[in-house]
Amino acid sequence: MLNSARMFKRKVPDSDARSGQATGHGTLKKGSFWQSLLAVLAGNAIYFSMQRFLPARAQHHLYQIDWGLAVDFCICLVCYGLVRRIFHD
Protein backbone atom coordinates (compact mmCIF):
# COMPACT_ATOMS: atom_id res chain seq x y z
CA MET A 1 0.00 0.00 0.00
CA LEU A 2 2.82 2.38 0.84
CA ASN A 3 4.55 1.78 -2.50
CA SER A 4 1.39 2.51 -4.51
CA ALA A 5 0.91 5.78 -2.62
CA ARG A 6 4.49 6.72 -3.42
CA MET A 7 3.89 6.07 -7.14
CA PHE A 8 1.15 8.68 -7.34
CA LYS A 9 2.93 11.28 -5.25
CA ARG A 10 3.31 14.53 -7.19
CA LYS A 11 6.89 15.61 -7.82
CA VAL A 12 7.58 19.29 -7.27
CA PRO A 13 10.78 20.81 -8.66
CA ASP A 14 13.25 22.35 -6.25
CA SER A 15 12.84 26.07 -5.89
CA ASP A 16 14.97 28.96 -4.79
CA ALA A 17 13.29 30.45 -1.70
CA ARG A 18 14.26 34.03 -2.51
CA SER A 19 13.29 34.21 -6.18
CA GLY A 20 10.52 31.62 -6.29
CA GLN A 21 12.06 30.32 -9.52
CA ALA A 22 12.17 26.58 -10.09
CA THR A 23 15.74 25.26 -10.23
CA GLY A 24 15.07 21.66 -11.26
CA HIS A 25 16.10 20.04 -14.52
CA GLY A 26 14.20 21.22 -17.60
CA THR A 27 13.26 24.68 -16.38
CA LEU A 28 13.51 27.72 -18.63
CA LYS A 29 16.14 30.39 -18.18
CA LYS A 30 15.06 33.74 -16.88
CA GLY A 31 14.40 35.62 -20.12
CA SER A 32 13.92 32.84 -22.63
CA PHE A 33 10.18 33.46 -22.99
CA TRP A 34 10.80 37.10 -23.88
CA GLN A 35 13.60 36.16 -26.25
CA SER A 36 11.32 33.65 -27.98
CA LEU A 37 8.50 36.18 -28.20
CA LEU A 38 10.84 38.80 -29.66
CA ALA A 39 12.14 36.30 -32.22
CA VAL A 40 8.64 35.23 -33.30
CA LEU A 41 7.40 38.82 -33.60
CA ALA A 42 10.48 39.89 -35.55
CA GLY A 43 10.34 36.80 -37.78
CA ASN A 44 6.67 37.29 -38.57
CA ALA A 45 7.23 40.99 -39.27
CA ILE A 46 10.00 40.11 -41.71
CA TYR A 47 7.98 37.34 -43.38
CA PHE A 48 4.76 39.28 -43.79
CA SER A 49 6.58 42.39 -45.04
CA MET A 50 8.26 40.39 -47.83
CA GLN A 51 5.47 37.87 -48.47
CA ARG A 52 4.17 39.61 -51.59
CA PHE A 53 7.62 39.34 -53.19
CA LEU A 54 7.90 35.59 -52.58
CA PRO A 55 6.87 32.93 -55.12
CA ALA A 56 3.25 31.77 -54.91
CA ARG A 57 4.20 28.49 -53.19
CA ALA A 58 6.06 30.34 -50.41
CA GLN A 59 3.13 32.62 -49.63
CA HIS A 60 0.91 31.69 -46.71
CA HIS A 61 -2.83 31.35 -47.28
CA LEU A 62 -5.14 31.96 -44.34
CA TYR A 63 -6.31 28.86 -42.41
CA GLN A 64 -4.18 26.46 -44.45
CA ILE A 65 -1.05 24.46 -43.75
CA ASP A 66 1.28 25.29 -46.61
CA TRP A 67 4.89 26.04 -47.54
CA GLY A 68 4.41 29.63 -46.41
CA LEU A 69 4.26 28.40 -42.82
CA ALA A 70 7.53 26.53 -43.32
CA VAL A 71 9.21 29.64 -44.71
CA ASP A 72 7.83 31.71 -41.82
CA PHE A 73 9.08 29.12 -39.32
CA CYS A 74 12.57 29.16 -40.83
CA ILE A 75 12.73 32.96 -40.64
CA CYS A 76 11.58 32.88 -37.00
CA LEU A 77 14.21 30.21 -36.25
CA VAL A 78 16.96 32.40 -37.72
CA CYS A 79 15.66 35.37 -35.70
CA TYR A 80 15.70 33.22 -32.56
CA GLY A 81 19.33 32.31 -33.17
CA LEU A 82 20.21 35.99 -33.63
CA VAL A 83 18.32 37.03 -30.49
CA ARG A 84 20.03 34.30 -28.46
CA ARG A 85 23.41 35.41 -29.80
CA ILE A 86 22.72 39.08 -28.98
CA PHE A 87 21.31 38.45 -25.49
CA HIS A 88 23.77 35.70 -24.57
CA ASP A 89 23.74 35.23 -20.78
PDB file of N, CA and C in Angstrom:
ATOM      1  N   MET A   1       0.820  -1.193   0.000  1.00  0.00           N
ATOM      2  CA  MET A   1       0.000   0.000   0.000  1.00  0.00           C
ATOM      3  C   MET A   1       0.863   1.256   0.000  1.00  0.00           C
ATOM      4  N   LEU A   2       1.934   1.224   0.754  1.00  0.00           N
ATOM      5  CA  LEU A   2       2.817   2.377   0.844  1.00  0.00           C
ATOM      6  C   LEU A   2       3.496   2.650  -0.496  1.00  0.00           C
ATOM      7  N   ASN A   3       3.901   1.605  -1.210  1.00  0.00           N
ATOM      8  CA  ASN A   3       4.553   1.784  -2.496  1.00  0.00           C
ATOM      9  C   ASN A   3       3.603   2.378  -3.532  1.00  0.00           C
ATOM     10  N   SER A   4       2.335   1.961  -3.545  1.00  0.00           N
ATOM     11  CA  SER A   4       1.392   2.514  -4.508  1.00  0.00           C
ATOM     12  C   SER A   4       1.110   3.988  -4.213  1.00  0.00           C
ATOM     13  N   ALA A   5       1.102   4.374  -2.961  1.00  0.00           N
ATOM     14  CA  ALA A   5       0.905   5.782  -2.625  1.00  0.00           C
ATOM     15  C   ALA A   5       2.108   6.603  -3.067  1.00  0.00           C
ATOM     16  N   ARG A   6       3.282   6.028  -3.005  1.00  0.00           N
ATOM     17  CA  ARG A   6       4.488   6.721  -3.421  1.00  0.00           C
ATOM     18  C   ARG A   6       4.519   6.903  -4.942  1.00  0.00           C
ATOM     19  N   MET A   7       3.914   5.980  -5.681  1.00  0.00           N
ATOM     20  CA  MET A   7       3.890   6.072  -7.136  1.00  0.00           C
ATOM     21  C   MET A   7       3.097   7.284  -7.602  1.00  0.00           C
ATOM     22  N   PHE A   8       2.026   7.601  -6.914  1.00  0.00           N
ATOM     23  CA  PHE A   8       1.154   8.681  -7.345  1.00  0.00           C
ATOM     24  C   PHE A   8       1.476  10.011  -6.671  1.00  0.00           C
ATOM     25  N   LYS A   9       2.549  10.046  -5.919  1.00  0.00           N
ATOM     26  CA  LYS A   9       2.932  11.280  -5.252  1.00  0.00           C
ATOM     27  C   LYS A   9       3.435  12.278  -6.293  1.00  0.00           C
ATOM     28  N   ARG A  10       2.956  13.489  -6.228  1.00  0.00           N
ATOM     29  CA  ARG A  10       3.312  14.526  -7.190  1.00  0.00           C
ATOM     30  C   ARG A  10       4.718  15.040  -6.916  1.00  0.00           C
ATOM     31  N   LYS A  11       5.534  15.109  -7.970  1.00  0.00           N
ATOM     32  CA  LYS A  11       6.891  15.607  -7.819  1.00  0.00           C
ATOM     33  C   LYS A  11       6.903  17.104  -8.075  1.00  0.00           C
ATOM     34  N   VAL A  12       7.485  17.840  -7.161  1.00  0.00           N
ATOM     35  CA  VAL A  12       7.578  19.291  -7.266  1.00  0.00           C
ATOM     36  C   VAL A  12       9.045  19.638  -7.451  1.00  0.00           C
ATOM     37  N   PRO A  13       9.383  20.466  -8.474  1.00  0.00           N
ATOM     38  CA  PRO A  13      10.781  20.815  -8.665  1.00  0.00           C
ATOM     39  C   PRO A  13      11.311  21.649  -7.501  1.00  0.00           C
ATOM     40  N   ASP A  14      12.624  21.534  -7.278  1.00  0.00           N
ATOM     41  CA  ASP A  14      13.252  22.346  -6.250  1.00  0.00           C
ATOM     42  C   ASP A  14      13.080  23.815  -6.599  1.00  0.00           C
ATOM     43  N   SER A  15      12.989  24.659  -5.598  1.00  0.00           N
ATOM     44  CA  SER A  15      12.835  26.074  -5.891  1.00  0.00           C
ATOM     45  C   SER A  15      13.762  26.891  -5.014  1.00  0.00           C
ATOM     46  N   ASP A  16      14.149  28.021  -5.530  1.00  0.00           N
ATOM     47  CA  ASP A  16      14.966  28.960  -4.788  1.00  0.00           C
ATOM     48  C   ASP A  16      14.021  29.783  -3.926  1.00  0.00           C
ATOM     49  N   ALA A  17      14.230  29.807  -2.629  1.00  0.00           N
ATOM     50  CA  ALA A  17      13.294  30.448  -1.704  1.00  0.00           C
ATOM     51  C   ALA A  17      13.197  31.950  -1.947  1.00  0.00           C
ATOM     52  N   ARG A  18      14.288  32.578  -2.336  1.00  0.00           N
ATOM     53  CA  ARG A  18      14.261  34.034  -2.515  1.00  0.00           C
ATOM     54  C   ARG A  18      13.561  34.450  -3.799  1.00  0.00           C
ATOM     55  N   SER A  19      13.843  33.767  -4.903  1.00  0.00           N
ATOM     56  CA  SER A  19      13.288  34.211  -6.178  1.00  0.00           C
ATOM     57  C   SER A  19      11.986  33.518  -6.533  1.00  0.00           C
ATOM     58  N   GLY A  20      11.726  32.364  -5.948  1.00  0.00           N
ATOM     59  CA  GLY A  20      10.524  31.619  -6.294  1.00  0.00           C
ATOM     60  C   GLY A  20      10.654  30.903  -7.628  1.00  0.00           C
ATOM     61  N   GLN A  21      11.840  30.962  -8.249  1.00  0.00           N
ATOM     62  CA  GLN A  21      12.065  30.316  -9.523  1.00  0.00           C
ATOM     63  C   GLN A  21      12.384  28.846  -9.310  1.00  0.00           C
ATOM     64  N   ALA A  22      11.855  27.998 -10.165  1.00  0.00           N
ATOM     65  CA  ALA A  22      12.172  26.578 -10.087  1.00  0.00           C
ATOM     66  C   ALA A  22      13.607  26.370 -10.557  1.00  0.00           C
ATOM     67  N   THR A  23      14.337  25.507  -9.872  1.00  0.00           N
ATOM     68  CA  THR A  23      15.736  25.265 -10.228  1.00  0.00           C
ATOM     69  C   THR A  23      15.970  23.838 -10.696  1.00  0.00           C
ATOM     70  N   GLY A  24      14.920  23.049 -10.843  1.00  0.00           N
ATOM     71  CA  GLY A  24      15.067  21.662 -11.260  1.00  0.00           C
ATOM     72  C   GLY A  24      15.442  21.543 -12.724  1.00  0.00           C
ATOM     73  N   HIS A  25      15.717  20.324 -13.135  1.00  0.00           N
ATOM     74  CA  HIS A  25      16.099  20.043 -14.522  1.00  0.00           C
ATOM     75  C   HIS A  25      14.927  20.354 -15.453  1.00  0.00           C
ATOM     76  N   GLY A  26      15.218  20.967 -16.597  1.00  0.00           N
ATOM     77  CA  GLY A  26      14.198  21.217 -17.599  1.00  0.00           C
ATOM     78  C   GLY A  26      13.478  22.545 -17.443  1.00  0.00           C
ATOM     79  N   THR A  27      13.917  23.394 -16.535  1.00  0.00           N
ATOM     80  CA  THR A  27      13.258  24.685 -16.382  1.00  0.00           C
ATOM     81  C   THR A  27      13.847  25.676 -17.374  1.00  0.00           C
ATOM     82  N   LEU A  28      13.080  26.716 -17.682  1.00  0.00           N
ATOM     83  CA  LEU A  28      13.514  27.725 -18.630  1.00  0.00           C
ATOM     84  C   LEU A  28      14.408  28.747 -17.954  1.00  0.00           C
ATOM     85  N   LYS A  29      15.320  29.313 -18.716  1.00  0.00           N
ATOM     86  CA  LYS A  29      16.144  30.391 -18.184  1.00  0.00           C
ATOM     87  C   LYS A  29      15.290  31.626 -18.005  1.00  0.00           C
ATOM     88  N   LYS A  30      15.854  32.604 -17.305  1.00  0.00           N
ATOM     89  CA  LYS A  30      15.056  33.742 -16.875  1.00  0.00           C
ATOM     90  C   LYS A  30      14.411  34.511 -18.023  1.00  0.00           C
ATOM     91  N   GLY A  31      15.012  34.792 -19.095  1.00  0.00           N
ATOM     92  CA  GLY A  31      14.398  35.618 -20.120  1.00  0.00           C
ATOM     93  C   GLY A  31      14.074  34.883 -21.394  1.00  0.00           C
ATOM     94  N   SER A  32      14.076  33.565 -21.377  1.00  0.00           N
ATOM     95  CA  SER A  32      13.918  32.842 -22.632  1.00  0.00           C
ATOM     96  C   SER A  32      12.532  33.020 -23.252  1.00  0.00           C
ATOM     97  N   PHE A  33      11.511  33.216 -22.435  1.00  0.00           N
ATOM     98  CA  PHE A  33      10.182  33.463 -22.994  1.00  0.00           C
ATOM     99  C   PHE A  33      10.179  34.762 -23.785  1.00  0.00           C
ATOM    100  N   TRP A  34      10.778  35.798 -23.217  1.00  0.00           N
ATOM    101  CA  TRP A  34      10.797  37.104 -23.879  1.00  0.00           C
ATOM    102  C   TRP A  34      11.681  37.071 -25.118  1.00  0.00           C
ATOM    103  N   GLN A  35      12.753  36.308 -25.074  1.00  0.00           N
ATOM    104  CA  GLN A  35      13.601  36.156 -26.252  1.00  0.00           C
ATOM    105  C   GLN A  35      12.847  35.425 -27.357  1.00  0.00           C
ATOM    106  N   SER A  36      12.110  34.397 -26.992  1.00  0.00           N
ATOM    107  CA  SER A  36      11.323  33.654 -27.983  1.00  0.00           C
ATOM    108  C   SER A  36      10.228  34.527 -28.570  1.00  0.00           C
ATOM    109  N   LEU A  37       9.564  35.285 -27.721  1.00  0.00           N
ATOM    110  CA  LEU A  37       8.503  36.176 -28.198  1.00  0.00           C
ATOM    111  C   LEU A  37       9.065  37.222 -29.147  1.00  0.00           C
ATOM    112  N   LEU A  38      10.207  37.810 -28.792  1.00  0.00           N
ATOM    113  CA  LEU A  38      10.839  38.803 -29.657  1.00  0.00           C
ATOM    114  C   LEU A  38      11.214  38.189 -30.998  1.00  0.00           C
ATOM    115  N   ALA A  39      11.749  36.974 -30.978  1.00  0.00           N
ATOM    116  CA  ALA A  39      12.139  36.302 -32.219  1.00  0.00           C
ATOM    117  C   ALA A  39      10.931  36.007 -33.103  1.00  0.00           C
ATOM    118  N   VAL A  40       9.842  35.556 -32.513  1.00  0.00           N
ATOM    119  CA  VAL A  40       8.639  35.234 -33.301  1.00  0.00           C
ATOM    120  C   VAL A  40       8.024  36.506 -33.880  1.00  0.00           C
ATOM    121  N   LEU A  41       7.955  37.561 -33.086  1.00  0.00           N
ATOM    122  CA  LEU A  41       7.400  38.816 -33.596  1.00  0.00           C
ATOM    123  C   LEU A  41       8.264  39.396 -34.710  1.00  0.00           C
ATOM    124  N   ALA A  42       9.576  39.374 -34.520  1.00  0.00           N
ATOM    125  CA  ALA A  42      10.483  39.886 -35.554  1.00  0.00           C
ATOM    126  C   ALA A  42      10.417  39.020 -36.806  1.00  0.00           C
ATOM    127  N   GLY A  43      10.403  37.697 -36.632  1.00  0.00           N
ATOM    128  CA  GLY A  43      10.339  36.798 -37.777  1.00  0.00           C
ATOM    129  C   GLY A  43       9.053  36.954 -38.567  1.00  0.00           C
ATOM    130  N   ASN A  44       7.942  37.089 -37.871  1.00  0.00           N
ATOM    131  CA  ASN A  44       6.666  37.293 -38.566  1.00  0.00           C
ATOM    132  C   ASN A  44       6.613  38.651 -39.253  1.00  0.00           C
ATOM    133  N   ALA A  45       7.187  39.674 -38.629  1.00  0.00           N
ATOM    134  CA  ALA A  45       7.227  40.995 -39.267  1.00  0.00           C
ATOM    135  C   ALA A  45       8.047  40.938 -40.552  1.00  0.00           C
ATOM    136  N   ILE A  46       9.170  40.245 -40.507  1.00  0.00           N
ATOM    137  CA  ILE A  46      10.002  40.108 -41.712  1.00  0.00           C
ATOM    138  C   ILE A  46       9.260  39.316 -42.782  1.00  0.00           C
ATOM    139  N   TYR A  47       8.669  38.187 -42.391  1.00  0.00           N
ATOM    140  CA  TYR A  47       7.985  37.343 -43.379  1.00  0.00           C
ATOM    141  C   TYR A  47       6.807  38.066 -44.033  1.00  0.00           C
ATOM    142  N   PHE A  48       5.951  38.665 -43.219  1.00  0.00           N
ATOM    143  CA  PHE A  48       4.758  39.282 -43.793  1.00  0.00           C
ATOM    144  C   PHE A  48       5.064  40.582 -44.541  1.00  0.00           C
ATOM    145  N   SER A  49       6.210  41.208 -44.261  1.00  0.00           N
ATOM    146  CA  SER A  49       6.578  42.389 -45.038  1.00  0.00           C
ATOM    147  C   SER A  49       7.140  42.002 -46.407  1.00  0.00           C
ATOM    148  N   MET A  50       7.712  40.805 -46.531  1.00  0.00           N
ATOM    149  CA  MET A  50       8.258  40.388 -47.826  1.00  0.00           C
ATOM    150  C   MET A  50       7.437  39.296 -48.497  1.00  0.00           C
ATOM    151  N   GLN A  51       6.286  38.952 -47.941  1.00  0.00           N
ATOM    152  CA  GLN A  51       5.470  37.866 -48.474  1.00  0.00           C
ATOM    153  C   GLN A  51       5.027  38.122 -49.906  1.00  0.00           C
ATOM    154  N   ARG A  52       4.673  39.327 -50.238  1.00  0.00           N
ATOM    155  CA  ARG A  52       4.167  39.608 -51.590  1.00  0.00           C
ATOM    156  C   ARG A  52       5.247  39.467 -52.661  1.00  0.00           C
ATOM    157  N   PHE A  53       6.528  39.484 -52.242  1.00  0.00           N
ATOM    158  CA  PHE A  53       7.621  39.344 -53.191  1.00  0.00           C
ATOM    159  C   PHE A  53       8.072  37.894 -53.346  1.00  0.00           C
ATOM    160  N   LEU A  54       7.527  37.007 -52.533  1.00  0.00           N
ATOM    161  CA  LEU A  54       7.902  35.592 -52.585  1.00  0.00           C
ATOM    162  C   LEU A  54       7.130  34.871 -53.689  1.00  0.00           C
ATOM    163  N   PRO A  55       7.634  33.724 -54.146  1.00  0.00           N
ATOM    164  CA  PRO A  55       6.874  32.934 -55.122  1.00  0.00           C
ATOM    165  C   PRO A  55       5.534  32.479 -54.526  1.00  0.00           C
ATOM    166  N   ALA A  56       4.606  32.126 -55.369  1.00  0.00           N
ATOM    167  CA  ALA A  56       3.253  31.770 -54.914  1.00  0.00           C
ATOM    168  C   ALA A  56       3.255  30.602 -53.928  1.00  0.00           C
ATOM    169  N   ARG A  57       4.153  29.642 -54.111  1.00  0.00           N
ATOM    170  CA  ARG A  57       4.202  28.489 -53.191  1.00  0.00           C
ATOM    171  C   ARG A  57       4.694  28.876 -51.811  1.00  0.00           C
ATOM    172  N   ALA A  58       5.489  29.931 -51.704  1.00  0.00           N
ATOM    173  CA  ALA A  58       6.057  30.340 -50.412  1.00  0.00           C
ATOM    174  C   ALA A  58       5.173  31.349 -49.690  1.00  0.00           C
ATOM    175  N   GLN A  59       4.055  31.688 -50.274  1.00  0.00           N
ATOM    176  CA  GLN A  59       3.131  32.624 -49.629  1.00  0.00           C
ATOM    177  C   GLN A  59       2.122  31.844 -48.797  1.00  0.00           C
ATOM    178  N   HIS A  60       1.854  32.362 -47.607  1.00  0.00           N
ATOM    179  CA  HIS A  60       0.912  31.692 -46.708  1.00  0.00           C
ATOM    180  C   HIS A  60      -0.516  32.102 -47.053  1.00  0.00           C
ATOM    181  N   HIS A  61      -1.405  31.104 -47.064  1.00  0.00           N
ATOM    182  CA  HIS A  61      -2.825  31.355 -47.283  1.00  0.00           C
ATOM    183  C   HIS A  61      -3.554  31.108 -45.971  1.00  0.00           C
ATOM    184  N   LEU A  62      -4.450  31.982 -45.624  1.00  0.00           N
ATOM    185  CA  LEU A  62      -5.136  31.962 -44.340  1.00  0.00           C
ATOM    186  C   LEU A  62      -5.839  30.627 -44.085  1.00  0.00           C
ATOM    187  N   TYR A  63      -5.687  30.094 -42.889  1.00  0.00           N
ATOM    188  CA  TYR A  63      -6.314  28.858 -42.411  1.00  0.00           C
ATOM    189  C   TYR A  63      -5.896  27.620 -43.208  1.00  0.00           C
ATOM    190  N   GLN A  64      -4.681  27.617 -43.732  1.00  0.00           N
ATOM    191  CA  GLN A  64      -4.180  26.456 -44.451  1.00  0.00           C
ATOM    192  C   GLN A  64      -2.763  26.137 -43.980  1.00  0.00           C
ATOM    193  N   ILE A  65      -2.416  24.869 -44.012  1.00  0.00           N
ATOM    194  CA  ILE A  65      -1.045  24.459 -43.749  1.00  0.00           C
ATOM    195  C   ILE A  65      -0.360  24.367 -45.104  1.00  0.00           C
ATOM    196  N   ASP A  66       0.628  25.217 -45.314  1.00  0.00           N
ATOM    197  CA  ASP A  66       1.275  25.292 -46.613  1.00  0.00           C
ATOM    198  C   ASP A  66       2.754  25.606 -46.447  1.00  0.00           C
ATOM    199  N   TRP A  67       3.459  25.766 -47.576  1.00  0.00           N
ATOM    200  CA  TRP A  67       4.886  26.041 -47.538  1.00  0.00           C
ATOM    201  C   TRP A  67       5.175  27.416 -46.966  1.00  0.00           C
ATOM    202  N   GLY A  68       4.216  28.310 -47.007  1.00  0.00           N
ATOM    203  CA  GLY A  68       4.407  29.634 -46.413  1.00  0.00           C
ATOM    204  C   GLY A  68       4.669  29.547 -44.918  1.00  0.00           C
ATOM    205  N   LEU A  69       4.013  28.608 -44.245  1.00  0.00           N
ATOM    206  CA  LEU A  69       4.259  28.402 -42.816  1.00  0.00           C
ATOM    207  C   LEU A  69       5.682  27.906 -42.576  1.00  0.00           C
ATOM    208  N   ALA A  70       6.166  27.043 -43.458  1.00  0.00           N
ATOM    209  CA  ALA A  70       7.528  26.529 -43.316  1.00  0.00           C
ATOM    210  C   ALA A  70       8.552  27.647 -43.503  1.00  0.00           C
ATOM    211  N   VAL A  71       8.309  28.502 -44.480  1.00  0.00           N
ATOM    212  CA  VAL A  71       9.213  29.640 -44.706  1.00  0.00           C
ATOM    213  C   VAL A  71       9.172  30.574 -43.502  1.00  0.00           C
ATOM    214  N   ASP A  72       7.986  30.857 -42.994  1.00  0.00           N
ATOM    215  CA  ASP A  72       7.833  31.712 -41.822  1.00  0.00           C
ATOM    216  C   ASP A  72       8.546  31.110 -40.612  1.00  0.00           C
ATOM    217  N   PHE A  73       8.408  29.799 -40.430  1.00  0.00           N
ATOM    218  CA  PHE A  73       9.077  29.122 -39.324  1.00  0.00           C
ATOM    219  C   PHE A  73      10.592  29.244 -39.437  1.00  0.00           C
ATOM    220  N   CYS A  74      11.122  29.065 -40.635  1.00  0.00           N
ATOM    221  CA  CYS A  74      12.574  29.164 -40.830  1.00  0.00           C
ATOM    222  C   CYS A  74      13.077  30.575 -40.528  1.00  0.00           C
ATOM    223  N   ILE A  75      12.335  31.578 -40.931  1.00  0.00           N
ATOM    224  CA  ILE A  75      12.732  32.959 -40.644  1.00  0.00           C
ATOM    225  C   ILE A  75      12.696  33.205 -39.138  1.00  0.00           C
ATOM    226  N   CYS A  76      11.671  32.720 -38.460  1.00  0.00           N
ATOM    227  CA  CYS A  76      11.584  32.877 -37.002  1.00  0.00           C
ATOM    228  C   CYS A  76      12.721  32.133 -36.305  1.00  0.00           C
ATOM    229  N   LEU A  77      13.109  30.983 -36.834  1.00  0.00           N
ATOM    230  CA  LEU A  77      14.210  30.214 -36.254  1.00  0.00           C
ATOM    231  C   LEU A  77      15.530  30.970 -36.382  1.00  0.00           C
ATOM    232  N   VAL A  78      15.756  31.589 -37.529  1.00  0.00           N
ATOM    233  CA  VAL A  78      16.959  32.397 -37.716  1.00  0.00           C
ATOM    234  C   VAL A  78      16.939  33.596 -36.763  1.00  0.00           C
ATOM    235  N   CYS A  79      15.786  34.236 -36.631  1.00  0.00           N
ATOM    236  CA  CYS A  79      15.661  35.367 -35.704  1.00  0.00           C
ATOM    237  C   CYS A  79      15.915  34.920 -34.267  1.00  0.00           C
ATOM    238  N   TYR A  80      15.456  33.734 -33.901  1.00  0.00           N
ATOM    239  CA  TYR A  80      15.697  33.220 -32.557  1.00  0.00           C
ATOM    240  C   TYR A  80      17.191  33.016 -32.316  1.00  0.00           C
ATOM    241  N   GLY A  81      17.882  32.477 -33.297  1.00  0.00           N
ATOM    242  CA  GLY A  81      19.328  32.312 -33.174  1.00  0.00           C
ATOM    243  C   GLY A  81      20.044  33.640 -33.010  1.00  0.00           C
ATOM    244  N   LEU A  82      19.604  34.657 -33.762  1.00  0.00           N
ATOM    245  CA  LEU A  82      20.206  35.987 -33.633  1.00  0.00           C
ATOM    246  C   LEU A  82      19.917  36.608 -32.273  1.00  0.00           C
ATOM    247  N   VAL A  83      18.681  36.471 -31.804  1.00  0.00           N
ATOM    248  CA  VAL A  83      18.321  37.025 -30.492  1.00  0.00           C
ATOM    249  C   VAL A  83      19.120  36.335 -29.409  1.00  0.00           C
ATOM    250  N   ARG A  84      19.251  35.027 -29.472  1.00  0.00           N
ATOM    251  CA  ARG A  84      20.025  34.301 -28.460  1.00  0.00           C
ATOM    252  C   ARG A  84      21.496  34.718 -28.489  1.00  0.00           C
ATOM    253  N   ARG A  85      22.021  34.978 -29.688  1.00  0.00           N
ATOM    254  CA  ARG A  85      23.408  35.407 -29.805  1.00  0.00           C
ATOM    255  C   ARG A  85      23.589  36.823 -29.233  1.00  0.00           C
ATOM    256  N   ILE A  86      22.629  37.703 -29.478  1.00  0.00           N
ATOM    257  CA  ILE A  86      22.723  39.080 -28.980  1.00  0.00           C
ATOM    258  C   ILE A  86      22.588  39.127 -27.477  1.00  0.00           C
ATOM    259  N   PHE A  87      21.584  38.412 -26.926  1.00  0.00           N
ATOM    260  CA  PHE A  87      21.315  38.452 -25.493  1.00  0.00           C
ATOM    261  C   PHE A  87      21.918  37.260 -24.765  1.00  0.00           C
ATOM    262  N   HIS A  88      23.103  36.855 -25.184  1.00  0.00           N
ATOM    263  CA  HIS A  88      23.773  35.705 -24.570  1.00  0.00           C
ATOM    264  C   HIS A  88      24.022  35.975 -23.084  1.00  0.00           C
ATOM    265  N   ASP A  89      23.593  35.048 -22.235  1.00  0.00           N
ATOM    266  CA  ASP A  89      23.735  35.230 -20.778  1.00  0.00           C
ATOM    267  C   ASP A  89      25.101  34.810 -20.316  1.00  0.00           C
TER     268      ASP A  89
END
